[in-house]
C-alpha atoms as a PDB file:
ATOM      1  CA  MET A   1      -2.316  -9.426 -28.064  1.00  0.00           C
ATOM      2  CA  SER A   2      -1.181  -5.866 -27.413  1.00  0.00           C
ATOM      3  CA  ALA A   3       0.294  -4.963 -24.039  1.00  0.00           C
ATOM      4  CA  ARG A   4      -1.985  -3.160 -21.622  1.00  0.00           C
ATOM      5  CA  VAL A   5      -1.042   0.498 -21.248  1.00  0.00           C
ATOM      6  CA  GLU A   6      -1.466   1.807 -17.714  1.00  0.00           C
ATOM      7  CA  SER A   7      -3.131   5.178 -17.370  1.00  0.00           C
ATOM      8  CA  PRO A   8      -1.279   7.930 -15.480  1.00  0.00           C
ATOM      9  CA  ILE A   9      -1.866   7.994 -11.749  1.00  0.00           C
ATOM     10  CA  VAL A  10      -2.562  11.748 -12.017  1.00  0.00           C
ATOM     11  CA  SER A  11      -4.213  13.265 -15.072  1.00  0.00           C
ATOM     12  CA  LEU A  12      -5.303  16.911 -15.314  1.00  0.00           C
ATOM     13  CA  ARG A  13      -6.855  18.344 -18.465  1.00  0.00           C
ATOM     14  CA  ASP A  14      -7.240  22.091 -19.067  1.00  0.00           C
ATOM     15  CA  VAL A  15      -7.706  22.739 -15.362  1.00  0.00           C
ATOM     16  CA  ARG A  16      -8.607  26.238 -14.232  1.00  0.00           C
ATOM     17  CA  ARG A  17      -9.122  27.482 -10.699  1.00  0.00           C
ATOM     18  CA  ASP A  18     -10.487  30.951  -9.984  1.00  0.00           C
ATOM     19  CA  TYR A  19     -10.994  32.610  -6.620  1.00  0.00           C
ATOM     20  CA  ALA A  20     -12.978  35.655  -5.607  1.00  0.00           C
ATOM     21  CA  LEU A  21     -10.831  38.178  -3.724  1.00  0.00           C
ATOM     22  CA  GLY A  22     -13.143  41.014  -2.790  1.00  0.00           C
ATOM     23  CA  ALA A  23     -14.388  42.435  -6.053  1.00  0.00           C
ATOM     24  CA  GLU A  24     -11.458  40.901  -7.934  1.00  0.00           C
ATOM     25  CA  ARG A  25     -11.266  37.498  -9.633  1.00  0.00           C
ATOM     26  CA  VAL A  26      -7.954  35.689  -9.107  1.00  0.00           C
ATOM     27  CA  HIS A  27      -6.987  33.185 -11.810  1.00  0.00           C
ATOM     28  CA  ALA A  28      -4.820  30.819  -9.739  1.00  0.00           C
ATOM     29  CA  LEU A  29      -4.559  28.142 -12.449  1.00  0.00           C
ATOM     30  CA  GLN A  30      -5.068  28.883 -16.119  1.00  0.00           C
ATOM     31  CA  GLY A  31      -5.498  25.786 -18.249  1.00  0.00           C
ATOM     32  CA  VAL A  32      -3.094  23.295 -16.646  1.00  0.00           C
ATOM     33  CA  THR A  33      -2.693  19.929 -18.371  1.00  0.00           C
ATOM     34  CA  LEU A  34      -0.416  17.479 -16.591  1.00  0.00           C
ATOM     35  CA  ASP A  35       0.163  13.728 -16.239  1.00  0.00           C
ATOM     36  CA  VAL A  36       2.097  11.918 -13.505  1.00  0.00           C
ATOM     37  CA  GLU A  37       2.948   8.284 -14.194  1.00  0.00           C
ATOM     38  CA  ARG A  38       2.918   5.532 -11.596  1.00  0.00           C
ATOM     39  CA  GLY A  39       6.238   5.347  -9.771  1.00  0.00           C
ATOM     40  CA  ASP A  40       7.245   8.876 -10.775  1.00  0.00           C
ATOM     41  CA  TYR A  41       8.709  11.487  -8.433  1.00  0.00           C
ATOM     42  CA  VAL A  42       7.693  14.989  -9.487  1.00  0.00           C
ATOM     43  CA  ALA A  43       8.694  18.335  -7.979  1.00  0.00           C
ATOM     44  CA  ILE A  44       6.383  21.284  -8.678  1.00  0.00           C
ATOM     45  CA  VAL A  45       8.458  24.460  -8.543  1.00  0.00           C
ATOM     46  CA  GLY A  46       7.953  28.158  -9.191  1.00  0.00           C
ATOM     47  CA  PRO A  47       7.788  31.547  -7.460  1.00  0.00           C
ATOM     48  CA  SER A  48       5.449  32.271  -4.551  1.00  0.00           C
ATOM     49  CA  GLY A  49       1.873  32.830  -5.666  1.00  0.00           C
ATOM     50  CA  CYS A  50       2.286  31.024  -8.987  1.00  0.00           C
ATOM     51  CA  GLY A  51      -0.347  28.338  -8.226  1.00  0.00           C
ATOM     52  CA  LYS A  52       1.788  25.473  -6.899  1.00  0.00           C
ATOM     53  CA  SER A  53      -0.200  24.815  -3.727  1.00  0.00           C
ATOM     54  CA  THR A  54      -3.497  25.291  -5.579  1.00  0.00           C
ATOM     55  CA  LEU A  55      -2.401  22.589  -7.999  1.00  0.00           C
ATOM     56  CA  LEU A  56      -1.413  20.251  -5.162  1.00  0.00           C
ATOM     57  CA  ASN A  57      -4.786  20.804  -3.463  1.00  0.00           C
ATOM     58  CA  LEU A  58      -6.584  19.784  -6.662  1.00  0.00           C
ATOM     59  CA  ILE A  59      -4.440  16.658  -7.023  1.00  0.00           C
ATOM     60  CA  GLY A  60      -5.108  15.886  -3.347  1.00  0.00           C
ATOM     61  CA  VAL A  61      -8.891  16.252  -3.798  1.00  0.00           C
ATOM     62  CA  ILE A  62      -8.917  18.989  -1.170  1.00  0.00           C
ATOM     63  CA  ASP A  63     -10.254  21.484  -3.706  1.00  0.00           C
ATOM     64  CA  GLN A  64     -12.174  21.285  -6.988  1.00  0.00           C
ATOM     65  CA  PRO A  65     -11.387  23.050 -10.255  1.00  0.00           C
ATOM     66  CA  THR A  66     -13.488  25.845 -11.688  1.00  0.00           C
ATOM     67  CA  SER A  67     -13.307  23.969 -14.982  1.00  0.00           C
ATOM     68  CA  GLY A  68     -11.382  21.089 -16.528  1.00  0.00           C
ATOM     69  CA  THR A  69     -10.985  17.515 -15.296  1.00  0.00           C
ATOM     70  CA  VAL A  70      -8.874  15.831 -12.623  1.00  0.00           C
ATOM     71  CA  ALA A  71      -8.454  12.038 -12.489  1.00  0.00           C
ATOM     72  CA  ILE A  72      -6.512  10.173  -9.794  1.00  0.00           C
ATOM     73  CA  ALA A  73      -5.761   6.466 -10.213  1.00  0.00           C
ATOM     74  CA  GLY A  74      -8.173   6.327 -13.156  1.00  0.00           C
ATOM     75  CA  ARG A  75     -11.088   7.909 -11.296  1.00  0.00           C
ATOM     76  CA  ARG A  76     -12.581  11.345 -11.933  1.00  0.00           C
ATOM     77  CA  VAL A  77     -12.367  13.334  -8.698  1.00  0.00           C
ATOM     78  CA  ASP A  78     -13.197  16.873  -9.842  1.00  0.00           C
ATOM     79  CA  ALA A  79     -16.913  16.671  -9.010  1.00  0.00           C
ATOM     80  CA  MET A  80     -16.921  14.430  -5.929  1.00  0.00           C
ATOM     81  CA  SER A  81     -19.125  15.254  -2.966  1.00  0.00           C
ATOM     82  CA  ASP A  82     -17.354  16.172   0.276  1.00  0.00           C
ATOM     83  CA  ARG A  83     -18.049  12.719   1.685  1.00  0.00           C
ATOM     84  CA  GLU A  84     -16.752  10.927  -1.421  1.00  0.00           C
ATOM     85  CA  ALA A  85     -13.645  13.114  -1.449  1.00  0.00           C
ATOM     86  CA  THR A  86     -12.932  12.417   2.226  1.00  0.00           C
ATOM     87  CA  GLN A  87     -13.165   8.656   1.728  1.00  0.00           C
ATOM     88  CA  PHE A  88     -11.094   8.798  -1.454  1.00  0.00           C
ATOM     89  CA  ARG A  89      -8.315  10.767   0.250  1.00  0.00           C
ATOM     90  CA  LEU A  90      -8.299   8.454   3.260  1.00  0.00           C
ATOM     91  CA  ARG A  91      -7.661   5.371   1.142  1.00  0.00           C
ATOM     92  CA  ASN A  92      -5.665   6.725  -1.790  1.00  0.00           C
ATOM     93  CA  ILE A  93      -3.636   9.788  -0.858  1.00  0.00           C
ATOM     94  CA  GLY A  94      -1.027  10.456   1.813  1.00  0.00           C
ATOM     95  CA  PHE A  95      -0.182  14.051   2.784  1.00  0.00           C
ATOM     96  CA  VAL A  96       3.016  15.494   4.242  1.00  0.00           C
ATOM     97  CA  PHE A  97       3.042  19.171   5.227  1.00  0.00           C
ATOM     98  CA  GLN A  98       5.623  21.825   6.098  1.00  0.00           C
ATOM     99  CA  ARG A  99       4.223  21.957   9.639  1.00  0.00           C
ATOM    100  CA  PHE A 100       3.918  18.413  10.836  1.00  0.00           C
ATOM    101  CA  TYR A 101       0.373  18.557  12.286  1.00  0.00           C
ATOM    102  CA  LEU A 102       0.990  15.770  14.766  1.00  0.00           C
ATOM    103  CA  LEU A 103      -1.439  15.520  17.677  1.00  0.00           C
ATOM    104  CA  PRO A 104       0.581  16.591  20.742  1.00  0.00           C
ATOM    105  CA  ILE A 105      -1.216  14.306  23.210  1.00  0.00           C
ATOM    106  CA  LEU A 106      -0.520  11.171  21.148  1.00  0.00           C
ATOM    107  CA  SER A 107       2.677   9.147  20.935  1.00  0.00           C
ATOM    108  CA  ALA A 108       4.501   8.669  17.641  1.00  0.00           C
ATOM    109  CA  LEU A 109       2.912   5.225  17.318  1.00  0.00           C
ATOM    110  CA  GLU A 110      -0.575   6.586  18.010  1.00  0.00           C
ATOM    111  CA  ASN A 111      -0.137   9.427  15.510  1.00  0.00           C
ATOM    112  CA  VAL A 112       0.872   6.982  12.777  1.00  0.00           C
ATOM    113  CA  ALA A 113      -2.006   4.648  13.623  1.00  0.00           C
ATOM    114  CA  LEU A 114      -4.647   7.396  13.533  1.00  0.00           C
ATOM    115  CA  PRO A 115      -5.487   7.250   9.781  1.00  0.00           C
ATOM    116  CA  MET A 116      -5.910   3.493  10.069  1.00  0.00           C
ATOM    117  CA  ALA A 117      -8.417   3.966  12.888  1.00  0.00           C
ATOM    118  CA  GLU A 118     -10.374   6.322  10.619  1.00  0.00           C
ATOM    119  CA  ALA A 119     -10.284   3.607   7.933  1.00  0.00           C
ATOM    120  CA  LYS A 120     -11.706   1.088  10.446  1.00  0.00           C
ATOM    121  CA  VAL A 121      -8.574  -1.084  10.514  1.00  0.00           C
ATOM    122  CA  SER A 122      -8.453  -3.411  13.524  1.00  0.00           C
ATOM    123  CA  LYS A 123      -6.407  -2.268  16.526  1.00  0.00           C
ATOM    124  CA  ALA A 124      -3.945  -5.158  16.323  1.00  0.00           C
ATOM    125  CA  VAL A 125      -3.208  -4.462  12.664  1.00  0.00           C
ATOM    126  CA  ARG A 126      -2.933  -0.705  13.338  1.00  0.00           C
ATOM    127  CA  ILE A 127      -0.330  -1.190  16.047  1.00  0.00           C
ATOM    128  CA  GLU A 128       1.679  -3.683  14.005  1.00  0.00           C
ATOM    129  CA  ARG A 129       1.711  -1.528  10.857  1.00  0.00           C
ATOM    130  CA  ALA A 130       2.426   1.705  12.741  1.00  0.00           C
ATOM    131  CA  ALA A 131       5.418   0.091  14.414  1.00  0.00           C
ATOM    132  CA  GLU A 132       6.604  -1.249  11.061  1.00  0.00           C
ATOM    133  CA  LEU A 133       6.345   2.190   9.460  1.00  0.00           C
ATOM    134  CA  LEU A 134       8.229   3.862  12.306  1.00  0.00           C
ATOM    135  CA  ARG A 135      11.025   1.331  11.826  1.00  0.00           C
ATOM    136  CA  TYR A 136      10.970   2.085   8.095  1.00  0.00           C
ATOM    137  CA  VAL A 137      11.562   5.805   8.715  1.00  0.00           C
ATOM    138  CA  GLY A 138      14.260   5.088  11.298  1.00  0.00           C
ATOM    139  CA  LEU A 139      12.249   5.720  14.475  1.00  0.00           C
ATOM    140  CA  GLY A 140      11.655   2.220  15.777  1.00  0.00           C
ATOM    141  CA  ASN A 141      13.033   3.284  19.167  1.00  0.00           C
ATOM    142  CA  ARG A 142      10.766   6.361  19.458  1.00  0.00           C
ATOM    143  CA  GLU A 143       7.325   4.748  19.385  1.00  0.00           C
ATOM    144  CA  ARG A 144       6.222   6.025  22.793  1.00  0.00           C
ATOM    145  CA  HIS A 145       7.607   9.553  22.441  1.00  0.00           C
ATOM    146  CA  ARG A 146       5.212  12.454  22.009  1.00  0.00           C
ATOM    147  CA  PRO A 147       5.911  15.186  19.415  1.00  0.00           C
ATOM    148  CA  SER A 148       7.342  17.559  22.061  1.00  0.00           C
ATOM    149  CA  GLU A 149       9.975  14.922  22.826  1.00  0.00           C
ATOM    150  CA  LEU A 150      11.075  14.649  19.188  1.00  0.00           C
ATOM    151  CA  SER A 151      13.283  16.859  17.033  1.00  0.00           C
ATOM    152  CA  GLY A 152      11.841  18.594  13.966  1.00  0.00           C
ATOM    153  CA  GLY A 153      13.325  15.968  11.673  1.00  0.00           C
ATOM    154  CA  GLU A 154      11.928  13.167  13.814  1.00  0.00           C
ATOM    155  CA  GLN A 155       8.494  14.787  13.799  1.00  0.00           C
ATOM    156  CA  GLN A 156       8.577  14.993  10.010  1.00  0.00           C
ATOM    157  CA  ARG A 157       9.541  11.310   9.822  1.00  0.00           C
ATOM    158  CA  VAL A 158       6.544  10.471  12.003  1.00  0.00           C
ATOM    159  CA  ALA A 159       4.373  12.593   9.689  1.00  0.00           C
ATOM    160  CA  ILE A 160       5.710  10.704   6.664  1.00  0.00           C
ATOM    161  CA  ALA A 161       5.014   7.365   8.362  1.00  0.00           C
ATOM    162  CA  ARG A 162       1.481   8.574   9.141  1.00  0.00           C
ATOM    163  CA  ALA A 163       1.003   9.571   5.473  1.00  0.00           C
ATOM    164  CA  LEU A 164       1.889   5.999   4.473  1.00  0.00           C
ATOM    165  CA  ALA A 165      -0.407   4.355   7.023  1.00  0.00           C
ATOM    166  CA  ASN A 166      -3.213   3.320   4.676  1.00  0.00           C
ATOM    167  CA  GLY A 167      -0.926   2.297   1.817  1.00  0.00           C
ATOM    168  CA  PRO A 168      -1.747   5.304  -0.393  1.00  0.00           C
ATOM    169  CA  THR A 169      -1.603   5.221  -4.175  1.00  0.00           C
ATOM    170  CA  LEU A 170      -0.022   8.669  -4.130  1.00  0.00           C
ATOM    171  CA  LEU A 171       2.109  10.645  -1.658  1.00  0.00           C
ATOM    172  CA  LEU A 172       1.791  14.449  -1.757  1.00  0.00           C
ATOM    173  CA  ALA A 173       4.123  16.790   0.099  1.00  0.00           C
ATOM    174  CA  ASP A 174       3.869  20.574   0.514  1.00  0.00           C
ATOM    175  CA  GLU A 175       7.261  22.112   1.433  1.00  0.00           C
ATOM    176  CA  PRO A 176       8.240  19.061   3.544  1.00  0.00           C
ATOM    177  CA  THR A 177      11.717  20.456   4.312  1.00  0.00           C
ATOM    178  CA  GLY A 178      10.567  24.048   4.879  1.00  0.00           C
ATOM    179  CA  GLU A 179      10.788  23.921   8.694  1.00  0.00           C
ATOM    180  CA  LEU A 180      14.060  21.969   8.842  1.00  0.00           C
ATOM    181  CA  ASP A 181      17.742  22.887   8.902  1.00  0.00           C
ATOM    182  CA  ALA A 182      19.942  21.845   5.962  1.00  0.00           C
ATOM    183  CA  ARG A 183      21.279  18.629   7.514  1.00  0.00           C
ATOM    184  CA  THR A 184      17.880  17.425   8.676  1.00  0.00           C
ATOM    185  CA  GLY A 185      16.342  18.455   5.356  1.00  0.00           C
ATOM    186  CA  ALA A 186      18.924  16.306   3.575  1.00  0.00           C
ATOM    187  CA  GLU A 187      17.821  13.318   5.674  1.00  0.00           C
ATOM    188  CA  ILE A 188      14.187  13.855   4.632  1.00  0.00           C
ATOM    189  CA  ILE A 189      15.244  14.215   0.980  1.00  0.00           C
ATOM    190  CA  SER A 190      17.067  10.888   1.259  1.00  0.00           C
ATOM    191  CA  LEU A 191      13.960   9.279   2.781  1.00  0.00           C
ATOM    192  CA  PHE A 192      11.785  10.519  -0.097  1.00  0.00           C
ATOM    193  CA  GLN A 193      14.256   9.037  -2.593  1.00  0.00           C
ATOM    194  CA  ARG A 194      14.096   5.723  -0.759  1.00  0.00           C
ATOM    195  CA  LEU A 195      10.290   5.796  -0.740  1.00  0.00           C
ATOM    196  CA  ASN A 196      10.252   6.425  -4.468  1.00  0.00           C
ATOM    197  CA  ALA A 197      12.813   3.671  -5.119  1.00  0.00           C
ATOM    198  CA  ASP A 198      10.489   1.332  -3.172  1.00  0.00           C
ATOM    199  CA  GLY A 199       7.629   2.167  -5.552  1.00  0.00           C
ATOM    200  CA  THR A 200       5.828   5.153  -4.011  1.00  0.00           C
ATOM    201  CA  THR A 201       4.602   7.795  -6.471  1.00  0.00           C
ATOM    202  CA  ILE A 202       5.476  11.217  -5.052  1.00  0.00           C
ATOM    203  CA  VAL A 203       4.493  14.780  -5.939  1.00  0.00           C
ATOM    204  CA  VAL A 204       6.135  17.582  -3.946  1.00  0.00           C
ATOM    205  CA  VAL A 205       5.709  21.342  -3.959  1.00  0.00           C
ATOM    206  CA  THR A 206       8.952  23.004  -2.898  1.00  0.00           C
ATOM    207  CA  HIS A 207      11.235  26.013  -2.928  1.00  0.00           C
ATOM    208  CA  ASP A 208      14.090  23.734  -1.769  1.00  0.00           C
ATOM    209  CA  GLU A 209      16.454  23.358  -4.725  1.00  0.00           C
ATOM    210  CA  ASP A 210      18.052  20.244  -3.222  1.00  0.00           C
ATOM    211  CA  LEU A 211      14.658  18.546  -2.814  1.00  0.00           C
ATOM    212  CA  ALA A 212      13.608  19.510  -6.347  1.00  0.00           C
ATOM    213  CA  SER A 213      16.910  18.238  -7.781  1.00  0.00           C
ATOM    214  CA  ALA A 214      16.404  14.876  -6.043  1.00  0.00           C
ATOM    215  CA  SER A 215      13.142  14.313  -7.933  1.00  0.00           C
ATOM    216  CA  ARG A 216      12.925  12.535 -11.275  1.00  0.00           C
ATOM    217  CA  ARG A 217      11.074  15.393 -12.970  1.00  0.00           C
ATOM    218  CA  LYS A 218      10.473  19.084 -12.348  1.00  0.00           C
ATOM    219  CA  VAL A 219       7.251  20.831 -13.335  1.00  0.00           C
ATOM    220  CA  HIS A 220       7.704  24.601 -13.504  1.00  0.00           C
ATOM    221  CA  ILE A 221       4.646  26.755 -12.800  1.00  0.00           C
ATOM    222  CA  ARG A 222       4.439  30.467 -13.520  1.00  0.00           C
ATOM    223  CA  ASP A 223       1.370  32.691 -13.335  1.00  0.00           C
ATOM    224  CA  GLY A 224      -0.942  29.690 -13.082  1.00  0.00           C
ATOM    225  CA  ARG A 225       0.461  27.903 -16.117  1.00  0.00           C
ATOM    226  CA  VAL A 226       2.843  24.993 -16.652  1.00  0.00           C
ATOM    227  CA  VAL A 227       5.816  26.511 -18.484  1.00  0.00           C
ATOM    228  CA  ASP A 228       8.122  23.479 -18.433  1.00  0.00           C
ATOM    229  CA  ALA A 229       7.333  19.871 -17.556  1.00  0.00           C
END
């Protein structure tokens, strides 16, 4: 009996994304074909305006392509309704952003637990898992602190813990070290490497050469096309 071959966790085929800009038509992505295997750690790099964030939004089911296909974890996501896309993201994709987007009135624990509440996880399980994730990112002693009481690096660690709350199939990060100084950025880079070593599939968009170099694979984008993967 032949061994079962696992499909890529991310599979894009001839993906194009156009935008209207006044009377102009912007071709943000022009025929991108890309696979990301389970357990991989991919950095998408390239100059500003090359299509990196557009590509990440398509992988994250935030946007839909003008043409082509996008499959995540073996499921076509390029034509999902808004409701289907919202539910798919909630249960399959974790997001980390340059600006942390923590709710200022909530504690670190409450911020991490929030996606689980949206997924209808019981309160007891939410609290236990949120505490576990904060310990994982090195903030077990900061559960009750609000974002204003945390450093930038600590806030990003809380945001990473929140992104992991529902056990996502895929972790996406858009310039996760962009708001941090070099030392704190290095700590976040180390945390991403640990996450990947523990089995998390990661795709990051970054201008940070140190973050890109820490990945397993770089995908270079230029003028809406993959030029080196």
